[in-house]
Amino acid sequence: MASWDDIYCRICENILTNGRQVHNRTGVDSIKIPSAFFELNVGKEFPILTTKQLFIRQAVLEMLWIYQAQSNDVRWLQERNVHIWDLWEIDENGDWKDVNTGKVLKHFDPSYAHTIGTAYGYIVKKMGLMDRLIDSLINTPEDRRRIMSLWQDDYLDTAVLPSCVWSSEWDITDGKLNAWVHQRSCDVPLGLPFNVTQYAVLMKLLAQVTGLEAGTLSWSIKDAHIYVNQVDGIKEQLDRYHRKGSLPAPELWINPEIKDFYAFDNSKDLKDIKLVNYEHMGKISFPLSQ
């Protein structure tokens, strides 16, 4: 059975049982716990939820948008039928608006039109984070300074949404690539399933192109929350888990011929990365708070 479902459902139950309802900037209250931590052996089992369907194509393309294309342009995703960032797209006048009221939430220089400002892929490219990481994994395997930080103070004011998953630290132990990922704020129903699967894929891609094996993914969260309008969906997912358990974890197929991280196909078809034998219990829709 899929161990990730077990870990994930325990986190959700902890939030619903022990969390506090609080106000936040979105206007939709959340139920939160101050922190959470877990570890996954990516080399042993690929983590993707089976108690609800996760759309792997969208998840992987968003990850490649950030770390491979190193883009902040929302149109890159839209061209691939991925609409995760549509609500945060700056319009042609430089305005980021509330989609429900039309109110301008923040104004940017119009040169940032169609982007999310200076966040995520912009920072990866600006700081050369991926190139440095890959070079270190290949040439200095004993390095203890492999940190990718998307939290750069000089660029926060010109970002629509400062990075939620903002840091990752990488090491090599006994030929295995391990990572510690930290998340400053976590929408558990919507964000966490995507994020964990994305970084597991990133680990496996990096391991392949650097001649390593995938190892342990350690994950820490500050402010793990469920929005109050997501509670019914989480209860449905927990009911599935308690009635049926989890299904067997699938396998991730990666084109073995690709040895350059920047050569993996990032088209709409995502030809070099596929799930094999993915069984799940169906889709659950969760509201998104802007």
Protein backbone atom coordinates (compact mmCIF):
# COMPACT_ATOMS: atom_id res chain seq x y z
CA MET A 1 0.00 0.00 0.00
CA ALA A 2 1.08 3.61 -0.58
CA SER A 3 2.83 4.94 2.53
CA TRP A 4 2.40 8.55 1.39
CA ASP A 5 -1.37 8.23 1.77
CA ASP A 6 -0.87 7.07 5.36
CA ILE A 7 1.37 10.03 6.21
CA TYR A 8 -0.84 12.54 4.41
CA CYS A 9 -4.09 11.37 6.01
CA ARG A 10 -2.52 11.48 9.48
CA ILE A 11 -1.52 15.10 8.88
CA CYS A 12 -5.07 15.95 7.78
CA GLU A 13 -6.56 14.24 10.83
CA ASN A 14 -4.15 16.10 13.11
CA ILE A 15 -5.18 19.43 11.63
CA LEU A 16 -8.91 18.71 11.95
CA THR A 17 -8.52 17.36 15.49
CA ASN A 18 -5.91 19.69 16.99
CA GLY A 19 -5.82 22.71 14.70
CA ARG A 20 -6.97 26.25 15.46
CA GLN A 21 -9.26 28.24 13.20
CA VAL A 22 -7.61 31.53 12.24
CA HIS A 23 -8.06 34.48 9.90
CA ASN A 24 -5.60 35.08 7.06
CA ARG A 25 -4.96 37.37 4.13
CA THR A 26 -7.27 35.45 1.73
CA GLY A 27 -10.43 36.24 3.68
CA VAL A 28 -11.24 32.53 4.01
CA ASP A 29 -10.48 31.17 7.49
CA SER A 30 -8.12 28.23 7.79
CA ILE A 31 -7.64 25.51 10.39
CA LYS A 32 -3.92 25.31 11.13
CA ILE A 33 -1.25 23.54 13.10
CA PRO A 34 2.06 25.36 13.56
CA SER A 35 4.30 22.74 11.96
CA ALA A 36 4.58 19.28 10.46
CA PHE A 37 7.39 16.97 9.37
CA PHE A 38 7.68 13.67 7.50
CA GLU A 39 10.14 11.60 5.46
CA LEU A 40 9.65 9.53 2.31
CA ASN A 41 11.94 6.98 0.70
CA VAL A 42 11.62 8.01 -2.94
CA GLY A 43 14.02 5.29 -4.03
CA LYS A 44 11.70 2.67 -2.61
CA GLU A 45 8.27 4.08 -3.41
CA PHE A 46 7.14 6.94 -5.64
CA PRO A 47 4.90 9.27 -3.58
CA ILE A 48 1.61 10.16 -5.20
CA LEU A 49 -1.76 10.00 -3.46
CA THR A 50 -4.11 7.13 -4.25
CA THR A 51 -6.99 8.20 -1.98
CA LYS A 52 -7.66 10.93 -4.53
CA GLN A 53 -6.51 11.50 -8.08
CA LEU A 54 -3.48 13.71 -8.63
CA PHE A 55 -2.90 15.04 -12.14
CA ILE A 56 0.74 14.18 -12.68
CA ARG A 57 1.10 16.01 -15.99
CA GLN A 58 0.13 19.35 -14.50
CA ALA A 59 2.27 18.79 -11.42
CA VAL A 60 5.41 17.90 -13.36
CA LEU A 61 4.98 20.69 -15.89
CA GLU A 62 4.69 23.26 -13.10
CA MET A 63 7.92 21.89 -11.59
CA LEU A 64 9.68 22.04 -14.97
CA TRP A 65 8.38 25.60 -15.49
CA ILE A 66 10.19 26.60 -12.31
CA TYR A 67 13.40 24.58 -12.44
CA GLN A 68 13.96 23.70 -16.09
CA ALA A 69 12.36 26.53 -18.12
CA GLN A 70 13.10 28.85 -15.16
CA SER A 71 10.17 31.00 -16.19
CA ASN A 72 7.71 33.25 -14.40
CA ASP A 73 5.52 33.66 -17.51
CA VAL A 74 2.08 32.17 -16.92
CA ARG A 75 1.52 31.82 -20.65
CA TRP A 76 4.16 29.05 -20.75
CA LEU A 77 1.85 26.97 -18.57
CA GLN A 78 -1.34 28.00 -20.35
CA GLU A 79 0.12 26.90 -23.70
CA ARG A 80 0.43 23.43 -22.12
CA ASN A 81 -3.12 23.51 -20.72
CA VAL A 82 -1.92 24.04 -17.15
CA HIS A 83 -3.88 26.73 -15.32
CA ILE A 84 -2.49 26.52 -11.78
CA TRP A 85 -1.23 30.11 -11.81
CA ASP A 86 -4.03 31.83 -13.73
CA LEU A 87 -5.38 33.57 -10.60
CA TRP A 88 -1.99 35.19 -9.95
CA GLU A 89 -1.24 36.40 -13.49
CA ILE A 90 -0.45 40.12 -13.74
CA ASP A 91 -2.53 41.75 -16.46
CA GLU A 92 -1.32 43.99 -19.29
CA ASN A 93 -1.72 47.10 -17.13
CA GLY A 94 0.48 45.64 -14.42
CA ASP A 95 -2.44 44.85 -12.12
CA TRP A 96 -3.02 41.70 -10.11
CA LYS A 97 -6.73 41.51 -9.34
CA ASP A 98 -9.17 39.62 -7.18
CA VAL A 99 -10.95 37.41 -9.71
CA ASN A 100 -14.24 37.64 -7.84
CA THR A 101 -14.46 41.39 -7.25
CA GLY A 102 -12.08 42.81 -9.85
CA LYS A 103 -10.36 44.79 -7.10
CA VAL A 104 -6.68 45.52 -7.74
CA LEU A 105 -4.76 43.65 -5.06
CA LYS A 106 -1.35 44.88 -6.12
CA HIS A 107 0.09 46.97 -8.93
CA PHE A 108 3.32 46.11 -10.73
CA ASP A 109 5.35 47.66 -13.51
CA PRO A 110 3.56 46.69 -16.78
CA SER A 111 6.78 44.98 -17.88
CA TYR A 112 5.71 42.14 -15.57
CA ALA A 113 2.50 41.55 -17.57
CA HIS A 114 1.50 37.87 -17.89
CA THR A 115 3.95 36.80 -15.18
CA ILE A 116 3.83 36.23 -11.42
CA GLY A 117 6.54 38.82 -10.93
CA THR A 118 9.93 38.04 -9.42
CA ALA A 119 9.10 34.66 -7.89
CA TYR A 120 9.85 30.98 -8.39
CA GLY A 121 11.41 30.45 -11.84
CA TYR A 122 12.56 34.05 -12.00
CA ILE A 123 14.68 33.51 -8.88
CA VAL A 124 16.00 30.14 -10.09
CA LYS A 125 17.27 31.77 -13.28
CA LYS A 126 18.45 35.02 -11.68
CA MET A 127 20.54 33.18 -9.08
CA GLY A 128 21.66 30.32 -11.32
CA LEU A 129 20.38 27.84 -8.74
CA MET A 130 19.90 24.75 -10.90
CA ASP A 131 23.18 25.05 -12.77
CA ARG A 132 25.08 25.33 -9.49
CA LEU A 133 23.25 22.40 -7.96
CA ILE A 134 23.86 20.07 -10.90
CA ASP A 135 27.52 21.09 -11.15
CA SER A 136 28.00 20.38 -7.45
CA LEU A 137 26.28 16.99 -7.60
CA ILE A 138 28.60 15.94 -10.43
CA ASN A 139 31.89 17.53 -9.42
CA THR A 140 31.87 17.93 -5.62
CA PRO A 141 29.82 15.03 -4.19
CA GLU A 142 31.01 15.76 -0.64
CA ASP A 143 29.61 19.32 -0.73
CA ARG A 144 27.47 20.36 2.28
CA ARG A 145 26.38 23.71 0.86
CA ARG A 146 23.82 22.67 -1.74
CA ILE A 147 20.96 24.97 -0.82
CA MET A 148 18.46 26.38 -3.30
CA SER A 149 16.64 29.33 -1.75
CA LEU A 150 13.73 30.90 -3.59
CA TRP A 151 13.29 33.37 -0.73
CA GLN A 152 15.32 36.41 -1.75
CA ASP A 153 14.45 39.56 0.21
CA ASP A 154 15.34 41.97 -2.60
CA TYR A 155 12.68 40.41 -4.85
CA LEU A 156 9.74 39.88 -2.49
CA ASP A 157 8.01 43.21 -3.14
CA THR A 158 7.86 42.53 -6.88
CA ALA A 159 6.52 38.99 -6.50
CA VAL A 160 2.78 38.33 -6.67
CA LEU A 161 3.13 35.46 -4.21
CA PRO A 162 6.42 34.82 -2.39
CA SER A 163 7.43 31.18 -2.74
CA CYS A 164 5.58 28.81 -0.39
CA VAL A 165 8.02 25.93 -0.94
CA TRP A 166 11.03 28.17 -0.66
CA SER A 167 14.09 26.07 0.14
CA SER A 168 15.64 22.73 -0.64
CA GLU A 169 18.94 21.28 0.56
CA TRP A 170 20.61 18.36 -1.19
CA ASP A 171 23.20 15.80 -0.18
CA ILE A 172 24.75 12.58 -1.47
CA THR A 173 25.12 9.67 0.94
CA ASP A 174 26.23 6.20 -0.23
CA GLY A 175 25.49 7.07 -3.84
CA LYS A 176 21.96 8.26 -3.07
CA LEU A 177 20.60 11.73 -3.63
CA ASN A 178 18.64 13.05 -0.64
CA ALA A 179 16.78 16.32 -0.16
CA TRP A 180 15.28 18.35 2.67
CA VAL A 181 12.48 20.64 1.52
CA HIS A 182 10.91 23.39 3.63
CA GLN A 183 7.56 25.05 3.11
CA ARG A 184 6.67 28.31 4.87
CA SER A 185 2.92 27.89 4.37
CA CYS A 186 1.01 24.88 3.15
CA ASP A 187 -2.47 24.51 1.68
CA VAL A 188 -2.66 20.83 2.63
CA PRO A 189 -5.59 19.75 0.40
CA LEU A 190 -4.36 21.43 -2.78
CA GLY A 191 -0.70 22.34 -2.45
CA LEU A 192 0.94 19.54 -0.48
CA PRO A 193 0.00 16.61 -2.77
CA PHE A 194 1.33 18.51 -5.80
CA ASN A 195 4.46 19.75 -4.05
CA VAL A 196 5.59 16.38 -2.69
CA THR A 197 5.10 14.62 -6.01
CA GLN A 198 6.89 17.45 -7.84
CA TYR A 199 10.00 17.30 -5.67
CA ALA A 200 10.05 13.50 -5.84
CA VAL A 201 10.09 13.78 -9.64
CA LEU A 202 12.78 16.46 -9.47
CA MET A 203 14.88 14.19 -7.26
CA LYS A 204 14.56 11.28 -9.67
CA LEU A 205 15.39 13.44 -12.69
CA LEU A 206 18.46 14.87 -10.99
CA ALA A 207 19.56 11.43 -9.83
CA GLN A 208 19.35 10.10 -13.37
CA VAL A 209 21.39 12.87 -14.97
CA THR A 210 24.08 12.80 -12.26
CA GLY A 211 24.52 9.03 -12.03
CA LEU A 212 22.96 8.70 -8.58
CA GLU A 213 20.00 6.86 -7.05
CA ALA A 214 16.97 8.57 -5.53
CA GLY A 215 17.04 8.53 -1.74
CA THR A 216 15.15 10.18 1.11
CA LEU A 217 12.88 13.21 0.80
CA SER A 218 12.56 14.98 4.16
CA TRP A 219 9.80 17.57 4.35
CA SER A 220 9.12 20.28 6.92
CA ILE A 221 6.17 22.67 7.01
CA LYS A 222 5.47 25.86 8.91
CA ASP A 223 1.72 26.61 9.12
CA ALA A 224 0.04 23.51 7.72
CA HIS A 225 -3.58 24.40 7.10
CA ILE A 226 -6.91 23.37 5.65
CA TYR A 227 -9.28 26.15 4.58
CA VAL A 228 -12.73 25.90 6.12
CA ASN A 229 -14.32 25.50 2.69
CA GLN A 230 -12.09 22.44 2.06
CA VAL A 231 -13.09 20.49 5.17
CA ASP A 232 -15.86 18.47 3.51
CA GLY A 233 -13.52 17.33 0.76
CA ILE A 234 -10.87 16.25 3.25
CA LYS A 235 -13.47 14.36 5.28
CA GLU A 236 -14.48 12.53 2.09
CA GLN A 237 -10.84 11.63 1.45
CA LEU A 238 -10.36 10.44 5.03
CA ASP A 239 -13.52 8.36 4.76
CA ARG A 240 -12.09 6.67 1.67
CA TYR A 241 -8.86 6.01 3.53
CA HIS A 242 -10.54 4.49 6.59
CA ARG A 243 -12.93 2.37 4.53
CA LYS A 244 -10.52 1.15 1.86
CA GLY A 245 -7.00 1.98 3.00
CA SER A 246 -4.65 3.06 0.24
CA LEU A 247 -3.93 1.47 -3.12
CA PRO A 248 -0.52 0.22 -4.31
CA ALA A 249 1.91 2.98 -5.18
CA PRO A 250 2.59 3.38 -8.92
CA GLU A 251 5.98 3.54 -10.62
CA LEU A 252 7.48 6.56 -12.32
CA TRP A 253 8.94 5.95 -15.77
CA ILE A 254 11.66 8.33 -16.91
CA ASN A 255 13.17 8.10 -20.38
CA PRO A 256 16.53 6.43 -19.64
CA GLU A 257 18.15 7.99 -22.70
CA ILE A 258 18.01 11.53 -21.27
CA LYS A 259 21.23 12.47 -19.47
CA ASP A 260 20.81 16.26 -19.49
CA PHE A 261 18.28 17.84 -17.12
CA TYR A 262 17.43 20.51 -19.67
CA ALA A 263 16.70 17.91 -22.36
CA PHE A 264 13.66 16.32 -20.70
CA ASP A 265 10.58 17.00 -22.82
CA ASN A 266 8.48 19.81 -21.35
CA SER A 267 5.85 19.91 -24.08
CA LYS A 268 2.16 19.47 -23.41
CA ASP A 269 2.61 15.71 -23.92
CA LEU A 270 5.43 15.35 -21.34
CA LYS A 271 6.90 12.48 -23.36
CA ASP A 272 9.84 11.57 -21.09
CA ILE A 273 8.00 11.22 -17.77
CA LYS A 274 5.05 8.85 -17.23
CA LEU A 275 3.22 7.12 -14.40
CA VAL A 276 2.88 3.35 -14.65
CA ASN A 277 0.00 1.47 -12.98
CA TYR A 278 -1.49 4.49 -11.21
CA GLU A 279 -4.66 3.40 -9.40
CA HIS A 280 -6.64 5.99 -7.47
CA MET A 281 -10.05 6.49 -5.87
CA GLY A 282 -11.15 9.38 -8.05
CA LYS A 283 -11.08 13.14 -8.09
CA ILE A 284 -11.98 15.40 -5.18
CA SER A 285 -12.46 19.09 -5.96
CA PHE A 286 -11.18 21.65 -3.46
CA PRO A 287 -11.79 25.43 -3.55
CA LEU A 288 -8.71 27.58 -4.12
CA SER A 289 -8.21 30.68 -1.97
CA GLN A 290 -6.46 33.49 -3.86
